């Protein structure tokens, strides 16, 4: 609540980027995840080349780096508070920079 940017985002329509799973089509926000999450970015300890993403759908599909570009083509910015008139976009580290460009 201290950040000016956070305060402005709270007053916006709070748009988040959603991407489809290339296997089941489930639309989701990408998250880092971690050992307390059954979805998100995963890898074998000490082996960063094994990094992949586990879909948050009940199917928990495994998403590889090679799927990223096809997912980005179907991206959607979804408003979480459509009643607010000010557009606001939440940018997260798991997304490549080109995902924010307009199509």
N, C-alpha and C. Protein backbone atom coordinates (compact mmCIF):
# COMPACT_ATOMS: atom_id res chain seq x y z
N UNK A 1 0.79 -1.21 0.00
CA UNK A 1 0.00 0.00 0.00
C UNK A 1 0.83 1.26 0.00
N UNK A 2 2.14 1.14 0.00
CA UNK A 2 3.00 2.32 0.03
C UNK A 2 3.30 2.82 -1.38
N UNK A 3 3.39 1.91 -2.34
CA UNK A 3 3.78 2.25 -3.71
C UNK A 3 2.71 3.07 -4.42
N UNK A 4 3.13 4.13 -5.07
CA UNK A 4 2.22 4.96 -5.86
C UNK A 4 1.65 4.15 -7.02
N UNK A 5 2.48 3.32 -7.63
CA UNK A 5 2.02 2.49 -8.76
C UNK A 5 0.96 1.50 -8.28
N UNK A 6 1.19 0.88 -7.15
CA UNK A 6 0.22 -0.07 -6.61
C UNK A 6 -1.12 0.62 -6.33
N UNK A 7 -1.06 1.82 -5.76
CA UNK A 7 -2.28 2.58 -5.48
C UNK A 7 -3.05 2.89 -6.76
N UNK A 8 -2.32 3.30 -7.81
CA UNK A 8 -2.96 3.61 -9.09
C UNK A 8 -3.56 2.35 -9.73
N UNK A 9 -2.85 1.23 -9.61
CA UNK A 9 -3.37 -0.02 -10.16
C UNK A 9 -4.66 -0.42 -9.44
N UNK A 10 -4.72 -0.22 -8.14
CA UNK A 10 -5.93 -0.55 -7.37
C UNK A 10 -7.14 0.23 -7.88
N UNK A 11 -6.92 1.44 -8.41
CA UNK A 11 -8.01 2.28 -8.92
C UNK A 11 -8.34 1.98 -10.38
N UNK A 12 -7.58 1.10 -11.02
CA UNK A 12 -7.76 0.81 -12.44
C UNK A 12 -8.70 -0.39 -12.65
N UNK A 13 -8.87 -0.76 -13.93
CA UNK A 13 -9.69 -1.94 -14.24
C UNK A 13 -8.90 -3.25 -14.05
N UNK A 14 -7.67 -3.16 -13.64
CA UNK A 14 -6.81 -4.27 -13.25
C UNK A 14 -6.78 -5.39 -14.29
N UNK A 15 -6.10 -5.12 -15.39
CA UNK A 15 -5.99 -6.12 -16.45
C UNK A 15 -4.78 -7.04 -16.20
N UNK A 16 -5.02 -8.33 -16.35
CA UNK A 16 -3.97 -9.34 -16.23
C UNK A 16 -3.91 -10.11 -17.54
N UNK A 17 -2.71 -10.55 -17.90
CA UNK A 17 -2.53 -11.30 -19.13
C UNK A 17 -2.83 -12.78 -18.88
N UNK A 18 -3.70 -13.33 -19.71
CA UNK A 18 -4.06 -14.75 -19.64
C UNK A 18 -3.59 -15.43 -20.92
N UNK A 19 -3.02 -16.62 -20.77
CA UNK A 19 -2.56 -17.40 -21.91
C UNK A 19 -3.22 -18.78 -21.87
N UNK A 20 -3.49 -19.36 -23.06
CA UNK A 20 -4.11 -20.69 -23.09
C UNK A 20 -3.07 -21.79 -22.97
N UNK A 21 -3.43 -22.85 -22.29
CA UNK A 21 -2.60 -24.04 -22.28
C UNK A 21 -2.63 -24.61 -23.70
N UNK A 22 -1.48 -24.95 -24.28
CA UNK A 22 -1.49 -25.48 -25.65
C UNK A 22 -2.09 -26.89 -25.75
N UNK A 23 -2.30 -27.54 -24.62
CA UNK A 23 -2.83 -28.90 -24.62
C UNK A 23 -4.33 -28.95 -24.34
N UNK A 24 -4.78 -28.25 -23.29
CA UNK A 24 -6.20 -28.33 -22.91
C UNK A 24 -6.96 -27.03 -23.15
N UNK A 25 -6.25 -25.93 -23.48
CA UNK A 25 -6.90 -24.66 -23.79
C UNK A 25 -7.26 -23.82 -22.58
N UNK A 26 -7.01 -24.31 -21.36
CA UNK A 26 -7.35 -23.55 -20.15
C UNK A 26 -6.63 -22.20 -20.14
N UNK A 27 -7.39 -21.11 -19.98
CA UNK A 27 -6.80 -19.77 -19.92
C UNK A 27 -6.34 -19.51 -18.49
N UNK A 28 -5.12 -18.98 -18.35
CA UNK A 28 -4.55 -18.79 -17.01
C UNK A 28 -3.52 -17.67 -17.00
N UNK A 29 -3.33 -17.12 -15.82
CA UNK A 29 -2.23 -16.18 -15.58
C UNK A 29 -1.02 -17.02 -15.20
N UNK A 30 0.12 -16.72 -15.77
CA UNK A 30 1.33 -17.46 -15.41
C UNK A 30 1.83 -16.99 -14.05
N UNK A 31 2.24 -17.94 -13.23
CA UNK A 31 2.80 -17.63 -11.92
C UNK A 31 4.11 -18.38 -11.75
N UNK A 32 4.92 -17.95 -10.81
CA UNK A 32 6.17 -18.65 -10.54
C UNK A 32 5.89 -20.02 -9.94
N UNK A 33 4.91 -20.09 -9.06
CA UNK A 33 4.61 -21.36 -8.42
C UNK A 33 5.54 -21.60 -7.25
N UNK A 34 6.11 -22.76 -7.19
CA UNK A 34 6.99 -23.13 -6.09
C UNK A 34 6.54 -24.45 -5.51
N UNK A 35 7.25 -24.91 -4.50
CA UNK A 35 6.94 -26.23 -3.95
C UNK A 35 5.58 -26.31 -3.28
N UNK A 36 5.01 -25.17 -2.92
CA UNK A 36 3.68 -25.16 -2.28
C UNK A 36 2.54 -25.08 -3.30
N UNK A 37 2.88 -25.03 -4.59
CA UNK A 37 1.87 -24.94 -5.64
C UNK A 37 1.97 -26.17 -6.54
N UNK A 38 0.83 -26.65 -7.02
CA UNK A 38 0.87 -27.79 -7.95
C UNK A 38 0.97 -27.33 -9.39
N UNK A 39 0.98 -26.01 -9.63
CA UNK A 39 1.15 -25.48 -10.98
C UNK A 39 2.18 -24.34 -10.92
N UNK A 40 2.58 -23.89 -12.08
CA UNK A 40 3.58 -22.83 -12.15
C UNK A 40 4.86 -23.33 -12.78
N UNK A 41 5.91 -22.53 -12.65
CA UNK A 41 7.21 -22.87 -13.21
C UNK A 41 7.87 -23.91 -12.32
N UNK A 42 8.35 -24.99 -12.95
CA UNK A 42 8.98 -26.09 -12.22
C UNK A 42 10.30 -26.47 -12.90
N UNK A 43 11.22 -27.03 -12.14
CA UNK A 43 12.48 -27.55 -12.67
C UNK A 43 13.10 -28.47 -11.65
N UNK A 44 14.01 -29.31 -12.13
CA UNK A 44 14.74 -30.20 -11.23
C UNK A 44 15.83 -29.38 -10.55
N UNK A 45 15.98 -29.53 -9.24
CA UNK A 45 17.00 -28.76 -8.51
C UNK A 45 18.39 -28.90 -9.16
N UNK A 46 19.01 -27.76 -9.37
CA UNK A 46 20.35 -27.73 -9.96
C UNK A 46 20.39 -27.94 -11.46
N UNK A 47 19.21 -28.07 -12.09
CA UNK A 47 19.15 -28.31 -13.54
C UNK A 47 18.19 -27.32 -14.20
N UNK A 48 18.63 -26.06 -14.39
CA UNK A 48 17.73 -25.06 -14.97
C UNK A 48 17.24 -25.40 -16.38
N UNK A 49 17.96 -26.24 -17.10
CA UNK A 49 17.53 -26.63 -18.45
C UNK A 49 16.27 -27.48 -18.43
N UNK A 50 15.88 -27.98 -17.27
CA UNK A 50 14.66 -28.79 -17.16
C UNK A 50 13.41 -27.94 -16.89
N UNK A 51 13.55 -26.61 -16.88
CA UNK A 51 12.43 -25.72 -16.57
C UNK A 51 11.27 -25.93 -17.54
N UNK A 52 10.07 -25.95 -16.98
CA UNK A 52 8.84 -26.09 -17.74
C UNK A 52 7.71 -25.47 -16.91
N UNK A 53 6.53 -25.44 -17.46
CA UNK A 53 5.39 -24.86 -16.76
C UNK A 53 4.31 -25.92 -16.62
N UNK A 54 3.68 -26.00 -15.44
CA UNK A 54 2.57 -26.91 -15.21
C UNK A 54 1.28 -26.09 -15.18
N UNK A 55 0.36 -26.45 -16.07
CA UNK A 55 -0.93 -25.78 -16.22
C UNK A 55 -1.72 -25.88 -14.91
N UNK A 56 -2.50 -24.83 -14.62
CA UNK A 56 -3.28 -24.84 -13.39
C UNK A 56 -4.59 -25.63 -13.52
N UNK A 57 -4.94 -26.09 -14.71
CA UNK A 57 -6.17 -26.88 -14.87
C UNK A 57 -6.02 -28.20 -14.12
N UNK A 58 -7.12 -28.88 -13.87
CA UNK A 58 -7.03 -30.18 -13.18
C UNK A 58 -6.16 -31.20 -13.93
N UNK A 59 -5.95 -30.99 -15.22
CA UNK A 59 -5.11 -31.92 -16.00
C UNK A 59 -3.62 -31.72 -15.73
N UNK A 60 -3.23 -30.55 -15.21
CA UNK A 60 -1.83 -30.22 -14.92
C UNK A 60 -0.92 -30.56 -16.10
N UNK A 61 -1.28 -30.06 -17.27
CA UNK A 61 -0.50 -30.30 -18.49
C UNK A 61 0.91 -29.70 -18.35
N UNK A 62 1.87 -30.38 -18.94
CA UNK A 62 3.26 -29.89 -18.95
C UNK A 62 3.45 -29.03 -20.20
N UNK A 63 3.86 -27.78 -19.99
CA UNK A 63 4.05 -26.83 -21.08
C UNK A 63 5.55 -26.55 -21.21
N UNK A 64 6.06 -26.75 -22.41
CA UNK A 64 7.49 -26.55 -22.69
C UNK A 64 7.73 -25.18 -23.31
N UNK A 65 8.96 -24.74 -23.30
CA UNK A 65 9.36 -23.47 -23.88
C UNK A 65 8.90 -23.34 -25.33
N UNK A 66 8.95 -24.43 -26.08
CA UNK A 66 8.58 -24.40 -27.50
C UNK A 66 7.12 -24.03 -27.73
N UNK A 67 6.29 -24.10 -26.71
CA UNK A 67 4.87 -23.76 -26.83
C UNK A 67 4.60 -22.26 -26.65
N UNK A 68 5.58 -21.54 -26.14
CA UNK A 68 5.37 -20.14 -25.74
C UNK A 68 4.82 -19.25 -26.86
N UNK A 69 5.40 -19.32 -28.04
CA UNK A 69 4.98 -18.40 -29.11
C UNK A 69 3.53 -18.66 -29.54
N UNK A 70 3.11 -19.91 -29.62
CA UNK A 70 1.72 -20.18 -30.00
C UNK A 70 0.77 -19.71 -28.91
N UNK A 71 1.18 -19.81 -27.66
CA UNK A 71 0.36 -19.33 -26.55
C UNK A 71 0.21 -17.82 -26.61
N UNK A 72 1.31 -17.13 -26.90
CA UNK A 72 1.29 -15.67 -26.95
C UNK A 72 0.37 -15.14 -28.05
N UNK A 73 0.24 -15.88 -29.13
CA UNK A 73 -0.63 -15.45 -30.22
C UNK A 73 -2.09 -15.43 -29.79
N UNK A 74 -2.44 -16.18 -28.76
CA UNK A 74 -3.83 -16.28 -28.30
C UNK A 74 -4.04 -15.59 -26.95
N UNK A 75 -3.13 -14.71 -26.58
CA UNK A 75 -3.20 -14.04 -25.28
C UNK A 75 -4.42 -13.13 -25.18
N UNK A 76 -4.86 -12.91 -23.95
CA UNK A 76 -5.97 -11.99 -23.68
C UNK A 76 -5.67 -11.19 -22.43
N UNK A 77 -5.88 -9.88 -22.51
CA UNK A 77 -5.83 -9.04 -21.31
C UNK A 77 -7.23 -9.05 -20.73
N UNK A 78 -7.40 -9.54 -19.51
CA UNK A 78 -8.71 -9.64 -18.89
C UNK A 78 -8.82 -8.68 -17.71
N UNK A 79 -9.89 -7.90 -17.74
CA UNK A 79 -10.16 -6.94 -16.67
C UNK A 79 -10.70 -7.67 -15.44
N UNK A 80 -10.11 -7.38 -14.30
CA UNK A 80 -10.59 -7.96 -13.05
C UNK A 80 -11.60 -7.05 -12.36
N UNK A 81 -11.54 -5.76 -12.66
CA UNK A 81 -12.48 -4.79 -12.11
C UNK A 81 -13.02 -3.92 -13.25
N UNK A 82 -13.87 -4.50 -14.11
CA UNK A 82 -14.36 -3.77 -15.28
C UNK A 82 -15.17 -2.52 -14.94
N UNK A 83 -15.63 -2.43 -13.72
CA UNK A 83 -16.41 -1.25 -13.32
C UNK A 83 -15.53 0.00 -13.20
N UNK A 84 -14.22 -0.17 -13.07
CA UNK A 84 -13.29 0.96 -13.02
C UNK A 84 -12.94 1.37 -14.44
N UNK A 85 -12.95 2.68 -14.71
CA UNK A 85 -12.76 3.19 -16.07
C UNK A 85 -11.30 3.34 -16.48
N UNK A 86 -10.39 3.41 -15.54
CA UNK A 86 -8.98 3.63 -15.85
C UNK A 86 -8.33 2.31 -16.23
N UNK A 87 -7.72 2.23 -17.44
CA UNK A 87 -7.03 0.98 -17.80
C UNK A 87 -5.74 0.82 -17.00
N UNK A 88 -5.52 -0.37 -16.48
CA UNK A 88 -4.30 -0.66 -15.73
C UNK A 88 -3.84 -2.07 -16.04
N UNK A 89 -2.55 -2.23 -16.30
CA UNK A 89 -2.01 -3.52 -16.72
C UNK A 89 -0.99 -4.02 -15.70
N UNK A 90 -1.16 -5.28 -15.28
CA UNK A 90 -0.22 -5.90 -14.35
C UNK A 90 0.82 -6.66 -15.17
N UNK A 91 2.08 -6.31 -14.98
CA UNK A 91 3.18 -6.93 -15.72
C UNK A 91 3.93 -7.85 -14.76
N UNK A 92 4.10 -9.11 -15.17
CA UNK A 92 4.74 -10.10 -14.33
C UNK A 92 5.99 -10.66 -15.01
N UNK A 93 6.98 -11.05 -14.23
CA UNK A 93 8.24 -11.55 -14.76
C UNK A 93 8.14 -12.80 -15.62
N UNK A 94 7.22 -13.75 -15.38
CA UNK A 94 7.20 -14.96 -16.21
C UNK A 94 6.85 -14.73 -17.68
N UNK A 95 6.41 -13.53 -18.05
CA UNK A 95 6.04 -13.27 -19.43
C UNK A 95 7.18 -12.62 -20.19
N UNK A 96 7.41 -13.04 -21.46
CA UNK A 96 8.42 -12.37 -22.27
C UNK A 96 7.93 -10.98 -22.66
N UNK A 97 8.86 -10.05 -22.89
CA UNK A 97 8.50 -8.66 -23.19
C UNK A 97 7.58 -8.55 -24.39
N UNK A 98 7.73 -9.38 -25.40
CA UNK A 98 6.90 -9.25 -26.60
C UNK A 98 5.44 -9.58 -26.32
N UNK A 99 5.13 -10.18 -25.18
CA UNK A 99 3.74 -10.50 -24.87
C UNK A 99 2.92 -9.26 -24.58
N UNK A 100 3.57 -8.14 -24.33
CA UNK A 100 2.85 -6.91 -23.99
C UNK A 100 2.59 -6.03 -25.21
N UNK A 101 3.21 -6.36 -26.34
CA UNK A 101 3.02 -5.57 -27.55
C UNK A 101 1.62 -5.80 -28.09
N UNK A 102 1.08 -4.77 -28.73
CA UNK A 102 -0.25 -4.91 -29.34
C UNK A 102 -0.15 -5.74 -30.60
N UNK A 103 -1.20 -6.51 -30.85
CA UNK A 103 -1.25 -7.34 -32.06
C UNK A 103 -1.86 -6.55 -33.19
